[in-house]
PDB file of all heavy atoms in Angstrom:
ATOM      1  N   ALA A   1       0.859  -1.186   0.056  1.00  0.00           N
ATOM      2  CA  ALA A   1      -0.045  -0.005  -0.036  1.00  0.00           C
ATOM      3  C   ALA A   1       0.868   1.215   0.007  1.00  0.00           C
ATOM      4  O   ALA A   1       1.870   1.348   0.608  1.00  0.00           O
ATOM      5  CB  ALA A   1      -0.928  -0.003   1.233  1.00  0.00           C
ATOM      6  N   ASN A   2       0.451   2.237  -0.737  1.00  0.00           N
ATOM      7  CA  ASN A   2       1.132   3.562  -0.767  1.00  0.00           C
ATOM      8  C   ASN A   2       2.523   3.500  -1.409  1.00  0.00           C
ATOM      9  O   ASN A   2       3.298   4.326  -1.309  1.00  0.00           O
ATOM     10  CB  ASN A   2       1.206   4.225   0.487  1.00  0.00           C
ATOM     11  CG  ASN A   2      -0.183   4.585   1.066  1.00  0.00           C
ATOM     12  OD1 ASN A   2      -1.019   4.930   0.304  1.00  0.00           O
ATOM     13  ND2 ASN A   2      -0.367   4.360   2.362  1.00  0.00           N
ATOM     14  N   GLN A   3       2.919   2.382  -2.153  1.00  0.00           N
ATOM     15  CA  GLN A   3       4.146   2.294  -2.843  1.00  0.00           C
ATOM     16  C   GLN A   3       4.057   2.843  -4.180  1.00  0.00           C
ATOM     17  O   GLN A   3       3.124   2.517  -4.920  1.00  0.00           O
ATOM     18  CB  GLN A   3       4.624   0.863  -2.829  1.00  0.00           C
ATOM     19  CG  GLN A   3       5.973   0.629  -3.516  1.00  0.00           C
ATOM     20  CD  GLN A   3       6.307  -0.822  -3.561  1.00  0.00           C
ATOM     21  OE1 GLN A   3       5.595  -1.707  -3.113  1.00  0.00           O
ATOM     22  NE2 GLN A   3       7.514  -1.080  -4.152  1.00  0.00           N
ATOM     23  N   SER A   4       4.941   3.714  -4.615  1.00  0.00           N
ATOM     24  CA  SER A   4       4.916   4.221  -6.001  1.00  0.00           C
ATOM     25  C   SER A   4       5.434   3.182  -6.911  1.00  0.00           C
ATOM     26  O   SER A   4       6.470   2.530  -6.692  1.00  0.00           O
ATOM     27  CB  SER A   4       5.864   5.529  -6.129  1.00  0.00           C
ATOM     28  OG  SER A   4       5.212   6.541  -5.318  1.00  0.00           O
ATOM     29  N   LEU A   5       4.711   2.965  -8.047  1.00  0.00           N
ATOM     30  CA  LEU A   5       5.121   2.054  -9.113  1.00  0.00           C
ATOM     31  C   LEU A   5       5.976   2.704 -10.104  1.00  0.00           C
ATOM     32  O   LEU A   5       6.813   2.109 -10.733  1.00  0.00           O
ATOM     33  CB  LEU A   5       3.936   1.346  -9.709  1.00  0.00           C
ATOM     34  CG  LEU A   5       3.069   0.542  -8.773  1.00  0.00           C
ATOM     35  CD1 LEU A   5       1.887  -0.066  -9.503  1.00  0.00           C
ATOM     36  CD2 LEU A   5       3.869  -0.526  -8.225  1.00  0.00           C
ATOM     37  N   PHE A   6       5.682   3.959 -10.304  1.00  0.00           N
ATOM     38  CA  PHE A   6       6.461   4.734 -11.285  1.00  0.00           C
ATOM     39  C   PHE A   6       6.138   6.237 -10.991  1.00  0.00           C
ATOM     40  O   PHE A   6       5.238   6.605 -10.255  1.00  0.00           O
ATOM     41  CB  PHE A   6       6.016   4.425 -12.761  1.00  0.00           C
ATOM     42  CG  PHE A   6       4.580   4.756 -13.055  1.00  0.00           C
ATOM     43  CD1 PHE A   6       4.236   5.885 -13.630  1.00  0.00           C
ATOM     44  CD2 PHE A   6       3.619   3.731 -12.892  1.00  0.00           C
ATOM     45  CE1 PHE A   6       2.844   6.165 -13.937  1.00  0.00           C
ATOM     46  CE2 PHE A   6       2.279   4.001 -13.227  1.00  0.00           C
ATOM     47  CZ  PHE A   6       1.945   5.193 -13.721  1.00  0.00           C
ATOM     48  N   SER A   7       7.022   7.119 -11.594  1.00  0.00           N
ATOM     49  CA  SER A   7       6.769   8.565 -11.517  1.00  0.00           C
ATOM     50  C   SER A   7       6.932   9.098 -12.824  1.00  0.00           C
ATOM     51  O   SER A   7       7.592   8.603 -13.720  1.00  0.00           O
ATOM     52  CB  SER A   7       7.744   9.147 -10.527  1.00  0.00           C
ATOM     53  OG  SER A   7       9.042   8.990 -10.977  1.00  0.00           O
ATOM     54  N   LEU A   8       6.390  10.254 -13.039  1.00  0.00           N
ATOM     55  CA  LEU A   8       6.444  10.968 -14.326  1.00  0.00           C
ATOM     56  C   LEU A   8       7.076  12.401 -14.107  1.00  0.00           C
ATOM     57  O   LEU A   8       6.735  13.013 -13.005  1.00  0.00           O
ATOM     58  CB  LEU A   8       5.043  11.176 -14.962  1.00  0.00           C
ATOM     59  CG  LEU A   8       4.277   9.877 -15.285  1.00  0.00           C
ATOM     60  CD1 LEU A   8       2.912  10.200 -15.712  1.00  0.00           C
ATOM     61  CD2 LEU A   8       5.009   9.097 -16.380  1.00  0.00           C
ATOM     62  N   THR A   9       7.826  12.915 -14.952  1.00  0.00           N
ATOM     63  CA  THR A   9       8.368  14.200 -14.877  1.00  0.00           C
ATOM     64  C   THR A   9       7.909  15.039 -16.071  1.00  0.00           C
ATOM     65  O   THR A   9       8.023  14.578 -17.214  1.00  0.00           O
ATOM     66  CB  THR A   9       9.861  14.148 -14.864  1.00  0.00           C
ATOM     67  OG1 THR A   9      10.316  13.344 -13.684  1.00  0.00           O
ATOM     68  CG2 THR A   9      10.471  15.567 -14.716  1.00  0.00           C
ATOM     69  N   PHE A  10       7.432  16.197 -15.835  1.00  0.00           N
ATOM     70  CA  PHE A  10       6.916  17.115 -16.950  1.00  0.00           C
ATOM     71  C   PHE A  10       7.705  18.351 -16.962  1.00  0.00           C
ATOM     72  O   PHE A  10       8.113  18.887 -15.880  1.00  0.00           O
ATOM     73  CB  PHE A  10       5.489  17.371 -16.726  1.00  0.00           C
ATOM     74  CG  PHE A  10       4.578  16.168 -16.783  1.00  0.00           C
ATOM     75  CD1 PHE A  10       4.287  15.521 -15.702  1.00  0.00           C
ATOM     76  CD2 PHE A  10       4.059  15.731 -17.964  1.00  0.00           C
ATOM     77  CE1 PHE A  10       3.434  14.397 -15.637  1.00  0.00           C
ATOM     78  CE2 PHE A  10       3.282  14.617 -18.018  1.00  0.00           C
ATOM     79  CZ  PHE A  10       2.881  13.984 -16.888  1.00  0.00           C
ATOM     80  N   ASN A  11       7.973  18.971 -18.117  1.00  0.00           N
ATOM     81  CA  ASN A  11       8.541  20.279 -18.195  1.00  0.00           C
ATOM     82  C   ASN A  11       7.475  21.271 -18.703  1.00  0.00           C
ATOM     83  O   ASN A  11       6.818  20.943 -19.695  1.00  0.00           O
ATOM     84  CB  ASN A  11       9.721  20.316 -19.260  1.00  0.00           C
ATOM     85  CG  ASN A  11      10.979  19.531 -18.651  1.00  0.00           C
ATOM     86  OD1 ASN A  11      11.209  19.644 -17.469  1.00  0.00           O
ATOM     87  ND2 ASN A  11      11.567  18.835 -19.569  1.00  0.00           N
ATOM     88  N   ALA A  12       7.322  22.303 -17.964  1.00  0.00           N
ATOM     89  CA  ALA A  12       6.244  23.265 -18.280  1.00  0.00           C
ATOM     90  C   ALA A  12       6.647  24.048 -19.560  1.00  0.00           C
ATOM     91  O   ALA A  12       7.768  24.420 -19.796  1.00  0.00           O
ATOM     92  CB  ALA A  12       6.052  24.251 -17.158  1.00  0.00           C
ATOM     93  N   THR A  13       5.694  24.211 -20.418  1.00  0.00           N
ATOM     94  CA  THR A  13       5.807  25.018 -21.633  1.00  0.00           C
ATOM     95  C   THR A  13       5.003  26.285 -21.538  1.00  0.00           C
ATOM     96  O   THR A  13       5.114  27.124 -22.507  1.00  0.00           O
ATOM     97  CB  THR A  13       5.421  24.203 -22.912  1.00  0.00           C
ATOM     98  OG1 THR A  13       4.038  23.855 -22.757  1.00  0.00           O
ATOM     99  CG2 THR A  13       6.237  22.960 -23.087  1.00  0.00           C
ATOM    100  N   ALA A  14       4.244  26.507 -20.531  1.00  0.00           N
ATOM    101  CA  ALA A  14       3.471  27.737 -20.309  1.00  0.00           C
ATOM    102  C   ALA A  14       3.253  27.943 -18.802  1.00  0.00           C
ATOM    103  O   ALA A  14       3.305  27.024 -18.023  1.00  0.00           O
ATOM    104  CB  ALA A  14       2.083  27.581 -21.006  1.00  0.00           C
ATOM    105  N   ASN A  15       3.024  29.158 -18.407  1.00  0.00           N
ATOM    106  CA  ASN A  15       2.720  29.513 -17.105  1.00  0.00           C
ATOM    107  C   ASN A  15       1.256  29.090 -16.722  1.00  0.00           C
ATOM    108  O   ASN A  15       0.373  29.220 -17.611  1.00  0.00           O
ATOM    109  CB  ASN A  15       2.882  30.969 -16.775  1.00  0.00           C
ATOM    110  CG  ASN A  15       4.340  31.370 -16.778  1.00  0.00           C
ATOM    111  OD1 ASN A  15       5.213  30.568 -16.569  1.00  0.00           O
ATOM    112  ND2 ASN A  15       4.619  32.581 -17.161  1.00  0.00           N
ATOM    113  N   GLY A  16       0.973  28.710 -15.519  1.00  0.00           N
ATOM    114  CA  GLY A  16      -0.444  28.331 -15.112  1.00  0.00           C
ATOM    115  C   GLY A  16      -0.358  27.414 -13.964  1.00  0.00           C
ATOM    116  O   GLY A  16       0.697  26.966 -13.488  1.00  0.00           O
ATOM    117  N   LEU A  17      -1.521  27.154 -13.424  1.00  0.00           N
ATOM    118  CA  LEU A  17      -1.683  26.241 -12.294  1.00  0.00           C
ATOM    119  C   LEU A  17      -1.777  24.800 -12.888  1.00  0.00           C
ATOM    120  O   LEU A  17      -2.641  24.581 -13.788  1.00  0.00           O
ATOM    121  CB  LEU A  17      -2.925  26.546 -11.507  1.00  0.00           C
ATOM    122  CG  LEU A  17      -2.927  27.874 -10.750  1.00  0.00           C
ATOM    123  CD1 LEU A  17      -4.248  28.131 -10.115  1.00  0.00           C
ATOM    124  CD2 LEU A  17      -1.838  27.840  -9.713  1.00  0.00           C
ATOM    125  N   LEU A  18      -1.044  23.901 -12.405  1.00  0.00           N
ATOM    126  CA  LEU A  18      -1.092  22.488 -12.902  1.00  0.00           C
ATOM    127  C   LEU A  18      -2.506  21.946 -12.762  1.00  0.00           C
ATOM    128  O   LEU A  18      -2.922  21.134 -13.646  1.00  0.00           O
ATOM    129  CB  LEU A  18      -0.079  21.652 -12.132  1.00  0.00           C
ATOM    130  CG  LEU A  18       1.400  21.740 -12.544  1.00  0.00           C
ATOM    131  CD1 LEU A  18       2.237  20.843 -11.713  1.00  0.00           C
ATOM    132  CD2 LEU A  18       1.618  21.505 -14.077  1.00  0.00           C
ATOM    133  N   SER A  19      -3.201  22.268 -11.677  1.00  0.00           N
ATOM    134  CA  SER A  19      -4.487  21.729 -11.464  1.00  0.00           C
ATOM    135  C   SER A  19      -5.505  22.164 -12.517  1.00  0.00           C
ATOM    136  O   SER A  19      -6.518  21.496 -12.712  1.00  0.00           O
ATOM    137  CB  SER A  19      -4.996  22.164 -10.057  1.00  0.00           C
ATOM    138  OG  SER A  19      -5.042  23.518 -10.017  1.00  0.00           O
ATOM    139  N   GLU A  20      -5.169  23.274 -13.264  1.00  0.00           N
ATOM    140  CA  GLU A  20      -5.994  23.733 -14.375  1.00  0.00           C
ATOM    141  C   GLU A  20      -5.539  23.280 -15.721  1.00  0.00           C
ATOM    142  O   GLU A  20      -6.231  23.329 -16.676  1.00  0.00           O
ATOM    143  CB  GLU A  20      -6.118  25.279 -14.314  1.00  0.00           C
ATOM    144  CG  GLU A  20      -6.732  25.825 -13.064  1.00  0.00           C
ATOM    145  CD  GLU A  20      -6.667  27.365 -12.995  1.00  0.00           C
ATOM    146  OE1 GLU A  20      -6.151  27.967 -13.902  1.00  0.00           O
ATOM    147  OE2 GLU A  20      -7.140  27.863 -12.011  1.00  0.00           O
ATOM    148  N   LEU A  21      -4.244  22.823 -15.810  1.00  0.00           N
ATOM    149  CA  LEU A  21      -3.644  22.420 -17.044  1.00  0.00           C
ATOM    150  C   LEU A  21      -3.612  20.970 -17.286  1.00  0.00           C
ATOM    151  O   LEU A  21      -3.426  20.517 -18.394  1.00  0.00           O
ATOM    152  CB  LEU A  21      -2.246  23.010 -17.146  1.00  0.00           C
ATOM    153  CG  LEU A  21      -2.134  24.529 -17.044  1.00  0.00           C
ATOM    154  CD1 LEU A  21      -0.605  24.961 -16.983  1.00  0.00           C
ATOM    155  CD2 LEU A  21      -2.804  25.186 -18.289  1.00  0.00           C
ATOM    156  N   MET A  22      -3.711  20.164 -16.224  1.00  0.00           N
ATOM    157  CA  MET A  22      -3.597  18.663 -16.347  1.00  0.00           C
ATOM    158  C   MET A  22      -4.795  18.055 -15.858  1.00  0.00           C
ATOM    159  O   MET A  22      -5.445  18.480 -14.861  1.00  0.00           O
ATOM    160  CB  MET A  22      -2.388  18.142 -15.540  1.00  0.00           C
ATOM    161  CG  MET A  22      -1.037  18.706 -16.139  1.00  0.00           C
ATOM    162  SD  MET A  22       0.305  18.000 -15.118  1.00  0.00           S
ATOM    163  CE  MET A  22       0.189  16.315 -15.460  1.00  0.00           C
ATOM    164  N   ASN A  23      -5.186  16.858 -16.479  1.00  0.00           N
ATOM    165  CA  ASN A  23      -6.246  16.007 -15.938  1.00  0.00           C
ATOM    166  C   ASN A  23      -6.067  14.575 -16.495  1.00  0.00           C
ATOM    167  O   ASN A  23      -5.210  14.385 -17.335  1.00  0.00           O
ATOM    168  CB  ASN A  23      -7.624  16.512 -16.363  1.00  0.00           C
ATOM    169  CG  ASN A  23      -7.825  16.555 -17.886  1.00  0.00           C
ATOM    170  OD1 ASN A  23      -7.525  15.551 -18.533  1.00  0.00           O
ATOM    171  ND2 ASN A  23      -8.411  17.573 -18.400  1.00  0.00           N
ATOM    172  N   LEU A  24      -6.753  13.657 -15.823  1.00  0.00           N
ATOM    173  CA  LEU A  24      -6.783  12.274 -16.259  1.00  0.00           C
ATOM    174  C   LEU A  24      -8.071  12.122 -16.942  1.00  0.00           C
ATOM    175  O   LEU A  24      -9.171  12.499 -16.463  1.00  0.00           O
ATOM    176  CB  LEU A  24      -6.584  11.371 -15.064  1.00  0.00           C
ATOM    177  CG  LEU A  24      -5.220  11.351 -14.347  1.00  0.00           C
ATOM    178  CD1 LEU A  24      -5.331  10.368 -13.198  1.00  0.00           C
ATOM    179  CD2 LEU A  24      -4.183  10.784 -15.361  1.00  0.00           C
ATOM    180  N   ASN A  25      -8.112  11.328 -18.050  1.00  0.00           N
ATOM    181  CA  ASN A  25      -9.314  11.009 -18.744  1.00  0.00           C
ATOM    182  C   ASN A  25      -9.121   9.621 -19.494  1.00  0.00           C
ATOM    183  O   ASN A  25      -8.069   9.082 -19.499  1.00  0.00           O
ATOM    184  CB  ASN A  25      -9.806  12.077 -19.611  1.00  0.00           C
ATOM    185  CG  ASN A  25      -8.811  12.331 -20.791  1.00  0.00           C
ATOM    186  OD1 ASN A  25      -8.485  11.456 -21.528  1.00  0.00           O
ATOM    187  ND2 ASN A  25      -8.394  13.619 -20.842  1.00  0.00           N
ATOM    188  N   SER A  26     -10.205   9.169 -20.033  1.00  0.00           N
ATOM    189  CA  SER A  26     -10.149   7.864 -20.706  1.00  0.00           C
ATOM    190  C   SER A  26     -10.258   8.033 -22.233  1.00  0.00           C
ATOM    191  O   SER A  26     -10.691   7.156 -22.949  1.00  0.00           O
ATOM    192  CB  SER A  26     -11.257   6.961 -20.200  1.00  0.00           C
ATOM    193  OG  SER A  26     -11.145   6.700 -18.869  1.00  0.00           O
ATOM    194  N   THR A  27      -9.798   9.175 -22.749  1.00  0.00           N
ATOM    195  CA  THR A  27      -9.942   9.474 -24.175  1.00  0.00           C
ATOM    196  C   THR A  27      -9.126   8.403 -25.052  1.00  0.00           C
ATOM    197  O   THR A  27      -9.661   7.907 -25.983  1.00  0.00           O
ATOM    198  CB  THR A  27      -9.347  10.869 -24.527  1.00  0.00           C
ATOM    199  OG1 THR A  27     -10.119  11.815 -23.738  1.00  0.00           O
ATOM    200  CG2 THR A  27      -9.526  11.200 -25.975  1.00  0.00           C
ATOM    201  N   ILE A  28      -7.907   8.053 -24.654  1.00  0.00           N
ATOM    202  CA  ILE A  28      -7.132   7.161 -25.406  1.00  0.00           C
ATOM    203  C   ILE A  28      -7.086   5.726 -24.778  1.00  0.00           C
ATOM    204  O   ILE A  28      -7.291   4.747 -25.436  1.00  0.00           O
ATOM    205  CB  ILE A  28      -5.657   7.683 -25.525  1.00  0.00           C
ATOM    206  CG1 ILE A  28      -5.758   8.980 -26.352  1.00  0.00           C
ATOM    207  CG2 ILE A  28      -4.826   6.666 -26.237  1.00  0.00           C
ATOM    208  CD1 ILE A  28      -4.410   9.689 -26.493  1.00  0.00           C
ATOM    209  N   THR A  29      -6.862   5.744 -23.521  1.00  0.00           N
ATOM    210  CA  THR A  29      -6.904   4.433 -22.726  1.00  0.00           C
ATOM    211  C   THR A  29      -7.683   4.562 -21.515  1.00  0.00           C
ATOM    212  O   THR A  29      -7.803   5.706 -20.948  1.00  0.00           O
ATOM    213  CB  THR A  29      -5.450   3.985 -22.387  1.00  0.00           C
ATOM    214  OG1 THR A  29      -4.866   4.904 -21.564  1.00  0.00           O
ATOM    215  CG2 THR A  29      -4.585   3.705 -23.563  1.00  0.00           C
ATOM    216  N   PRO A  30      -8.254   3.567 -20.942  1.00  0.00           N
ATOM    217  CA  PRO A  30      -9.084   3.730 -19.762  1.00  0.00           C
ATOM    218  C   PRO A  30      -8.274   4.187 -18.571  1.00  0.00           C
ATOM    219  O   PRO A  30      -7.073   3.661 -18.332  1.00  0.00           O
ATOM    220  CB  PRO A  30      -9.653   2.307 -19.486  1.00  0.00           C
ATOM    221  CG  PRO A  30      -9.583   1.645 -20.806  1.00  0.00           C
ATOM    222  CD  PRO A  30      -8.355   2.219 -21.496  1.00  0.00           C
ATOM    223  N   ALA A  31      -8.751   5.138 -17.825  1.00  0.00           N
ATOM    224  CA  ALA A  31      -8.060   5.599 -16.651  1.00  0.00           C
ATOM    225  C   ALA A  31      -8.485   4.702 -15.474  1.00  0.00           C
ATOM    226  O   ALA A  31      -9.352   5.033 -14.755  1.00  0.00           O
ATOM    227  CB  ALA A  31      -8.337   7.055 -16.397  1.00  0.00           C
ATOM    228  N   GLU A  32      -7.848   3.596 -15.352  1.00  0.00           N
ATOM    229  CA  GLU A  32      -8.298   2.568 -14.408  1.00  0.00           C
ATOM    230  C   GLU A  32      -6.993   2.036 -13.665  1.00  0.00           C
ATOM    231  O   GLU A  32      -5.946   1.946 -14.302  1.00  0.00           O
ATOM    232  CB  GLU A  32      -8.976   1.410 -15.136  1.00  0.00           C
ATOM    233  CG  GLU A  32     -10.248   1.818 -15.764  1.00  0.00           C
ATOM    234  CD  GLU A  32     -10.934   0.677 -16.595  1.00  0.00           C
ATOM    235  OE1 GLU A  32     -10.311  -0.377 -16.739  1.00  0.00           O
ATOM    236  OE2 GLU A  32     -12.043   0.880 -16.994  1.00  0.00           O
ATOM    237  N   ALA A  33      -7.224   1.476 -12.507  1.00  0.00           N
ATOM    238  CA  ALA A  33      -6.224   0.737 -11.771  1.00  0.00           C
ATOM    239  C   ALA A  33      -6.978  -0.443 -11.051  1.00  0.00           C
ATOM    240  O   ALA A  33      -8.143  -0.391 -10.780  1.00  0.00           O
ATOM    241  CB  ALA A  33      -5.544   1.642 -10.655  1.00  0.00           C
ATOM    242  N   TYR A  34      -6.192  -1.466 -10.801  1.00  0.00           N
ATOM    243  CA  TYR A  34      -6.766  -2.634 -10.186  1.00  0.00           C
ATOM    244  C   TYR A  34      -5.905  -3.218  -9.113  1.00  0.00           C
ATOM    245  O   TYR A  34      -4.639  -3.012  -9.171  1.00  0.00           O
ATOM    246  CB  TYR A  34      -6.924  -3.750 -11.213  1.00  0.00           C
ATOM    247  CG  TYR A  34      -7.819  -3.440 -12.373  1.00  0.00           C
ATOM    248  CD1 TYR A  34      -7.362  -2.796 -13.529  1.00  0.00           C
ATOM    249  CD2 TYR A  34      -9.223  -3.667 -12.269  1.00  0.00           C
ATOM    250  CE1 TYR A  34      -8.221  -2.399 -14.492  1.00  0.00           C
ATOM    251  CE2 TYR A  34     -10.059  -3.341 -13.336  1.00  0.00           C
ATOM    252  CZ  TYR A  34      -9.543  -2.678 -14.418  1.00  0.00           C
ATOM    253  OH  TYR A  34     -10.394  -2.379 -15.388  1.00  0.00           O
ATOM    254  N   ASN A  35      -6.590  -3.699  -8.016  1.00  0.00           N
ATOM    255  CA  ASN A  35      -5.743  -4.320  -6.971  1.00  0.00           C
ATOM    256  C   ASN A  35      -5.499  -5.828  -7.321  1.00  0.00           C
ATOM    257  O   ASN A  35      -5.938  -6.256  -8.368  1.00  0.00           O
ATOM    258  CB  ASN A  35      -6.409  -4.139  -5.595  1.00  0.00           C
ATOM    259  CG  ASN A  35      -7.784  -4.828  -5.490  1.00  0.00           C
ATOM    260  OD1 ASN A  35      -8.107  -5.638  -6.274  1.00  0.00           O
ATOM    261  ND2 ASN A  35      -8.603  -4.483  -4.531  1.00  0.00           N
ATOM    262  N   GLN A  36      -4.876  -6.585  -6.441  1.00  0.00           N
ATOM    263  CA  GLN A  36      -4.521  -7.964  -6.751  1.00  0.00           C
ATOM    264  C   GLN A  36      -5.835  -8.784  -6.856  1.00  0.00           C
ATOM    265  O   GLN A  36      -5.687  -9.886  -7.492  1.00  0.00           O
ATOM    266  CB  GLN A  36      -3.593  -8.520  -5.594  1.00  0.00           C
ATOM    267  CG  GLN A  36      -2.248  -7.946  -5.679  1.00  0.00           C
ATOM    268  CD  GLN A  36      -1.292  -8.606  -4.623  1.00  0.00           C
ATOM    269  OE1 GLN A  36      -1.786  -8.801  -3.482  1.00  0.00           O
ATOM    270  NE2 GLN A  36      -0.112  -8.861  -4.982  1.00  0.00           N
ATOM    271  N   ALA A  37      -6.922  -8.355  -6.235  1.00  0.00           N
ATOM    272  CA  ALA A  37      -8.113  -9.116  -6.394  1.00  0.00           C
ATOM    273  C   ALA A  37      -8.921  -8.826  -7.636  1.00  0.00           C
ATOM    274  O   ALA A  37      -9.966  -9.333  -7.894  1.00  0.00           O
ATOM    275  CB  ALA A  37      -9.053  -8.920  -5.127  1.00  0.00           C
ATOM    276  N   GLY A  38      -8.327  -7.939  -8.481  1.00  0.00           N
ATOM    277  CA  GLY A  38      -8.976  -7.578  -9.703  1.00  0.00           C
ATOM    278  C   GLY A  38     -10.049  -6.484  -9.540  1.00  0.00           C
ATOM    279  O   GLY A  38     -10.785  -6.302 -10.522  1.00  0.00           O
ATOM    280  N   GLU A  39     -10.114  -5.883  -8.357  1.00  0.00           N
ATOM    281  CA  GLU A  39     -11.180  -4.924  -8.158  1.00  0.00           C
ATOM    282  C   GLU A  39     -10.750  -3.607  -8.763  1.00  0.00           C
ATOM    283  O   GLU A  39      -9.558  -3.207  -8.675  1.00  0.00           O
ATOM    284  CB  GLU A  39     -11.390  -4.759  -6.659  1.00  0.00           C
ATOM    285  CG  GLU A  39     -11.895  -6.010  -6.030  1.00  0.00           C
ATOM    286  CD  GLU A  39     -11.830  -5.970  -4.507  1.00  0.00           C
ATOM    287  OE1 GLU A  39     -10.886  -5.367  -3.950  1.00  0.00           O
ATOM    288  OE2 GLU A  39     -12.736  -6.532  -3.861  1.00  0.00           O
ATOM    289  N   LEU A  40     -11.707  -2.915  -9.405  1.00  0.00           N
ATOM    290  CA  LEU A  40     -11.352  -1.541 -10.000  1.00  0.00           C
ATOM    291  C   LEU A  40     -11.163  -0.517  -8.837  1.00  0.00           C
ATOM    292  O   LEU A  40     -11.883  -0.429  -7.899  1.00  0.00           O
ATOM    293  CB  LEU A  40     -12.608  -1.082 -10.793  1.00  0.00           C
ATOM    294  CG  LEU A  40     -12.502   0.188 -11.601  1.00  0.00           C
ATOM    295  CD1 LEU A  40     -11.343   0.127 -12.582  1.00  0.00           C
ATOM    296  CD2 LEU A  40     -13.848   0.539 -12.257  1.00  0.00           C
ATOM    297  N   LEU A  41     -10.059   0.261  -9.006  1.00  0.00           N
ATOM    298  CA  LEU A  41      -9.717   1.294  -8.085  1.00  0.00           C
ATOM    299  C   LEU A  41      -9.842   2.641  -8.753  1.00  0.00           C
ATOM    300  O   LEU A  41      -9.706   2.741  -9.947  1.00  0.00           O
ATOM    301  CB  LEU A  41      -8.261   1.064  -7.590  1.00  0.00           C
ATOM    302  CG  LEU A  41      -7.914  -0.232  -6.946  1.00  0.00           C
ATOM    303  CD1 LEU A  41      -6.464  -0.287  -6.643  1.00  0.00           C
ATOM    304  CD2 LEU A  41      -8.788  -0.404  -5.655  1.00  0.00           C
ATOM    305  N   LYS A  42     -10.001   3.711  -7.953  1.00  0.00           N
ATOM    306  CA  LYS A  42     -10.144   5.098  -8.465  1.00  0.00           C
ATOM    307  C   LYS A  42      -8.769   5.586  -8.799  1.00  0.00           C
ATOM    308  O   LYS A  42      -7.782   5.335  -8.016  1.00  0.00           O
ATOM    309  CB  LYS A  42     -10.774   5.907  -7.314  1.00  0.00           C
ATOM    310  CG  LYS A  42     -11.005   7.350  -7.732  1.00  0.00           C
ATOM    311  CD  LYS A  42     -11.677   8.105  -6.604  1.00  0.00           C
ATOM    312  CE  LYS A  42     -11.828   9.618  -6.985  1.00  0.00           C
ATOM    313  NZ  LYS A  42     -12.515  10.289  -5.870  1.00  0.00           N
ATOM    314  N   VAL A  43      -8.542   6.237  -9.903  1.00  0.00           N
ATOM    315  CA  VAL A  43      -7.337   6.855 -10.340  1.00  0.00           C
ATOM    316  C   VAL A  43      -7.562   8.413 -10.378  1.00  0.00           C
ATOM    317  O   VAL A  43      -8.492   8.889 -10.967  1.00  0.00           O
ATOM    318  CB  VAL A  43      -6.915   6.358 -11.748  1.00  0.00           C
ATOM    319  CG1 VAL A  43      -5.601   7.081 -12.122  1.00  0.00           C
ATOM    320  CG2 VAL A  43      -6.707   4.908 -11.751  1.00  0.00           C
ATOM    321  N   GLU A  44      -6.681   9.119  -9.671  1.00  0.00           N
ATOM    322  CA  GLU A  44      -6.850  10.536  -9.616  1.00  0.00           C
ATOM    323  C   GLU A  44      -5.497  11.265  -9.457  1.00  0.00           C
ATOM    324  O   GLU A  44      -4.501  10.653  -9.083  1.00  0.00           O
ATOM    325  CB  GLU A  44      -7.715  11.024  -8.440  1.00  0.00           C
ATOM    326  CG  GLU A  44      -7.137  10.684  -7.075  1.00  0.00           C
ATOM    327  CD  GLU A  44      -8.020  11.021  -5.961  1.00  0.00           C
ATOM    328  OE1 GLU A  44      -9.318  10.986  -6.133  1.00  0.00           O
ATOM    329  OE2 GLU A  44      -7.566  11.185  -4.875  1.00  0.00           O
TER     330      GLU A  44
END
């Protein structure tokens, strides 16, 4: 629990609040995570 599996690094190309410039969605791939029991978890 609470172990990071990976991290991402981004370089800003414009000024602004990240909370207004970034989001997760399922446009290309489903924004989903699963536990060992195969239960769907919330990704945010």
